[in-house]
C-alpha atoms as a PDB file:
ATOM      1  CA  MET A   1       0.000   0.000   0.000  1.00  0.00           C
ATOM      2  CA  THR A   2       1.189   3.473  -0.785  1.00  0.00           C
ATOM      3  CA  GLY A   3       1.120   6.417   1.595  1.00  0.00           C
ATOM      4  CA  ALA A   4      -1.641   8.073  -0.424  1.00  0.00           C
ATOM      5  CA  ALA A   5      -3.849   4.989  -0.121  1.00  0.00           C
ATOM      6  CA  VAL A   6      -3.337   4.882   3.645  1.00  0.00           C
ATOM      7  CA  LEU A   7      -4.216   8.581   3.953  1.00  0.00           C
ATOM      8  CA  ASP A   8      -7.319   8.023   1.840  1.00  0.00           C
ATOM      9  CA  GLY A   9      -8.350   5.163   4.143  1.00  0.00           C
ATOM     10  CA  VAL A  10      -7.819   7.362   7.212  1.00  0.00           C
ATOM     11  CA  ALA A  11      -9.896  10.094   5.551  1.00  0.00           C
ATOM     12  CA  VAL A  12     -12.768   7.699   4.873  1.00  0.00           C
ATOM     13  CA  VAL A  13     -12.790   6.309   8.416  1.00  0.00           C
ATOM     14  CA  CYS A  14     -12.624   9.772   9.995  1.00  0.00           C
ATOM     15  CA  LEU A  15     -15.298  11.144   7.668  1.00  0.00           C
ATOM     16  CA  VAL A  16     -17.731   8.323   8.459  1.00  0.00           C
ATOM     17  CA  ALA A  17     -17.027   8.505  12.209  1.00  0.00           C
ATOM     18  CA  GLY A  18     -17.424  12.293  12.213  1.00  0.00           C
ATOM     19  CA  GLY A  19     -20.674  12.061  10.290  1.00  0.00           C
ATOM     20  CA  LEU A  20     -22.050   9.466  12.689  1.00  0.00           C
ATOM     21  CA  LEU A  21     -21.123  11.555  15.724  1.00  0.00           C
ATOM     22  CA  SER A  22     -22.788  14.606  14.191  1.00  0.00           C
ATOM     23  CA  LEU A  23     -25.871  12.477  13.518  1.00  0.00           C
ATOM     24  CA  VAL A  24     -25.910  11.341  17.155  1.00  0.00           C
ATOM     25  CA  ALA A  25     -25.705  14.998  18.232  1.00  0.00           C
ATOM     26  CA  GLY A  26     -28.698  15.855  16.039  1.00  0.00           C
ATOM     27  CA  ILE A  27     -30.732  12.948  17.353  1.00  0.00           C
ATOM     28  CA  GLY A  28     -29.863  13.894  20.946  1.00  0.00           C
ATOM     29  CA  LEU A  29     -31.012  17.446  20.290  1.00  0.00           C
ATOM     30  CA  ILE A  30     -34.436  16.156  19.296  1.00  0.00           C
ATOM     31  CA  ARG A  31     -34.836  13.320  21.797  1.00  0.00           C
ATOM     32  CA  LEU A  32     -33.482  14.648  25.105  1.00  0.00           C
ATOM     33  CA  PRO A  33     -35.917  16.238  27.564  1.00  0.00           C
ATOM     34  CA  ASP A  34     -34.403  19.540  28.747  1.00  0.00           C
ATOM     35  CA  VAL A  35     -31.933  22.282  27.900  1.00  0.00           C
ATOM     36  CA  LEU A  36     -29.073  20.933  29.999  1.00  0.00           C
ATOM     37  CA  SER A  37     -29.268  17.467  28.450  1.00  0.00           C
ATOM     38  CA  ARG A  38     -29.551  18.890  24.950  1.00  0.00           C
ATOM     39  CA  MET A  39     -26.575  21.131  25.571  1.00  0.00           C
ATOM     40  CA  HIS A  40     -24.383  18.099  26.208  1.00  0.00           C
ATOM     41  CA  ALA A  41     -25.752  16.310  23.161  1.00  0.00           C
ATOM     42  CA  VAL A  42     -24.991  19.259  20.932  1.00  0.00           C
ATOM     43  CA  THR A  43     -21.523  20.169  22.163  1.00  0.00           C
ATOM     44  CA  LYS A  44     -19.717  16.978  23.039  1.00  0.00           C
ATOM     45  CA  PRO A  45     -20.259  14.591  20.092  1.00  0.00           C
ATOM     46  CA  GLN A  46     -20.685  17.436  17.621  1.00  0.00           C
ATOM     47  CA  VAL A  47     -17.279  18.950  18.399  1.00  0.00           C
ATOM     48  CA  LEU A  48     -15.568  15.576  18.128  1.00  0.00           C
ATOM     49  CA  GLY A  49     -17.472  14.917  14.890  1.00  0.00           C
ATOM     50  CA  VAL A  50     -16.343  18.213  13.391  1.00  0.00           C
ATOM     51  CA  LEU A  51     -12.749  17.538  14.433  1.00  0.00           C
ATOM     52  CA  LEU A  52     -12.851  14.107  12.808  1.00  0.00           C
ATOM     53  CA  ILE A  53     -14.239  15.631   9.623  1.00  0.00           C
ATOM     54  CA  LEU A  54     -11.428  18.201   9.701  1.00  0.00           C
ATOM     55  CA  VAL A  55      -8.866  15.390  10.076  1.00  0.00           C
ATOM     56  CA  ALA A  56     -10.453  13.666   7.082  1.00  0.00           C
ATOM     57  CA  LEU A  57     -10.174  16.871   5.075  1.00  0.00           C
ATOM     58  CA  ALA A  58      -6.551  17.320   6.128  1.00  0.00           C
ATOM     59  CA  ALA A  59      -5.735  13.759   5.065  1.00  0.00           C
ATOM     60  CA  SER A  60      -7.336  14.264   1.672  1.00  0.00           C
ATOM     61  CA  LEU A  61      -6.194  17.825   0.853  1.00  0.00           C
ATOM     62  CA  ARG A  62      -2.494  17.531   1.860  1.00  0.00           C
ATOM     63  CA  ASN A  63      -1.769  21.218   1.218  1.00  0.00           C
ATOM     64  CA  GLY A  64      -0.012  23.524   3.691  1.00  0.00           C
ATOM     65  CA  ALA A  65      -2.401  26.462   3.304  1.00  0.00           C
ATOM     66  CA  ASP A  66      -5.427  24.195   3.586  1.00  0.00           C
ATOM     67  CA  LEU A  67      -4.001  22.501   6.677  1.00  0.00           C
ATOM     68  CA  ALA A  68      -3.440  25.867   8.360  1.00  0.00           C
ATOM     69  CA  THR A  69      -7.037  26.842   7.645  1.00  0.00           C
ATOM     70  CA  LEU A  70      -8.298  23.529   9.043  1.00  0.00           C
ATOM     71  CA  VAL A  71      -6.236  23.982  12.213  1.00  0.00           C
ATOM     72  CA  LEU A  72      -7.760  27.442  12.683  1.00  0.00           C
ATOM     73  CA  ILE A  73     -11.265  26.055  12.194  1.00  0.00           C
ATOM     74  CA  GLY A  74     -10.600  23.294  14.731  1.00  0.00           C
ATOM     75  CA  GLY A  75      -9.165  25.774  17.227  1.00  0.00           C
ATOM     76  CA  PHE A  76     -12.168  28.067  16.932  1.00  0.00           C
ATOM     77  CA  GLN A  77     -14.503  25.095  17.335  1.00  0.00           C
ATOM     78  CA  LEU A  78     -12.683  23.965  20.481  1.00  0.00           C
ATOM     79  CA  GLY A  79     -12.632  27.514  21.831  1.00  0.00           C
ATOM     80  CA  THR A  80     -16.200  28.540  21.175  1.00  0.00           C
ATOM     81  CA  ALA A  81     -18.277  25.383  21.731  1.00  0.00           C
ATOM     82  CA  PRO A  82     -17.672  25.143  25.517  1.00  0.00           C
ATOM     83  CA  LEU A  83     -18.382  28.852  25.963  1.00  0.00           C
ATOM     84  CA  ALA A  84     -21.571  28.648  23.943  1.00  0.00           C
ATOM     85  CA  ALA A  85     -22.678  25.597  25.942  1.00  0.00           C
ATOM     86  CA  GLN A  86     -22.052  27.460  29.186  1.00  0.00           C
ATOM     87  CA  MET A  87     -24.117  30.434  28.021  1.00  0.00           C
ATOM     88  CA  ILE A  88     -26.952  28.190  26.836  1.00  0.00           C
ATOM     89  CA  ALA A  89     -26.968  26.356  30.160  1.00  0.00           C
ATOM     90  CA  ARG A  90     -27.036  29.575  32.177  1.00  0.00           C
ATOM     91  CA  ALA A  91     -29.830  31.056  30.071  1.00  0.00           C
ATOM     92  CA  GLY A  92     -31.858  27.847  30.324  1.00  0.00           C
ATOM     93  CA  TYR A  93     -31.353  27.718  34.076  1.00  0.00           C
ATOM     94  CA  ARG A  94     -32.333  31.343  34.598  1.00  0.00           C
ATOM     95  CA  ASN A  95     -35.469  30.909  32.490  1.00  0.00           C
ATOM     96  CA  GLY A  96     -36.430  27.744  34.360  1.00  0.00           C
ATOM     97  CA  ARG A  97     -36.337  25.555  31.262  1.00  0.00           C
ATOM     98  CA  LEU A  98     -34.893  22.509  32.971  1.00  0.00           C
ATOM     99  CA  ARG A  99     -36.144  19.490  34.817  1.00  0.00           C
ATOM    100  CA  ARG A 100     -35.110  19.715  38.435  1.00  0.00           C
ATOM    101  CA  ASP A 101     -35.770  16.006  38.971  1.00  0.00           C
ATOM    102  CA  LEU A 102     -32.869  15.247  36.599  1.00  0.00           C
ATOM    103  CA  LEU A 103     -30.373  17.418  38.502  1.00  0.00           C
ATOM    104  CA  GLU A 104     -28.028  15.635  40.885  1.00  0.00           C
ATOM    105  CA  ALA A 105     -26.747  18.866  42.407  1.00  0.00           C
ATOM    106  CA  ASP A 106     -27.895  22.454  42.067  1.00  0.00           C
ATOM    107  CA  GLU A 107     -25.085  24.725  43.242  1.00  0.00           C
ATOM    108  CA  LEU A 108     -26.710  27.849  41.805  1.00  0.00           C
ATOM    109  CA  ALA A 109     -29.857  27.372  43.897  1.00  0.00           C
ATOM    110  CA  GLU A 110     -27.704  26.945  46.997  1.00  0.00           C
ATOM    111  CA  ARG A 111     -26.065  30.339  46.248  1.00  0.00           C
ATOM    112  CA  GLY A 112     -29.388  32.040  45.640  1.00  0.00           C
ATOM    113  CA  GLY A 113     -29.077  32.161  41.857  1.00  0.00           C
ATOM    114  CA  GLY A 114     -32.251  30.298  41.037  1.00  0.00           C
ATOM    115  CA  PRO A 115     -34.582  30.976  38.113  1.00  0.00           C
ATOM    116  CA  GLY A 116     -35.561  34.589  37.746  1.00  0.00           C
ATOM    117  CA  ARG A 117     -32.724  35.886  39.914  1.00  0.00           C
ATOM    118  CA  ALA A 118     -29.670  37.743  38.709  1.00  0.00           C
ATOM    119  CA  GLU A 119     -26.327  36.611  40.082  1.00  0.00           C
END
């Protein structure tokens, strides 16, 4: 096997795995009951899925300028997804759009930052 064939195989595997993880994220967004659960379904497998798709693109493009662009895209994805998830969770909590029976611990309520209260 040549190096190009191996890289093409890696690209196919990463592309399929990334697509499946993104599909799981979409299904979780529809099926899960509250904002906090949906937040995890959207951020965790979706970010890994996007990173796998970027690895597949890097393995197939093999160009320095394209690789630099893909690294920037991956860095922005890793930098912004956790922050967006945090903001979504805080907004959902403040608006009361969560199921308290699913919470194991509620540190914000203990500090007086429950729904409808500014912190």
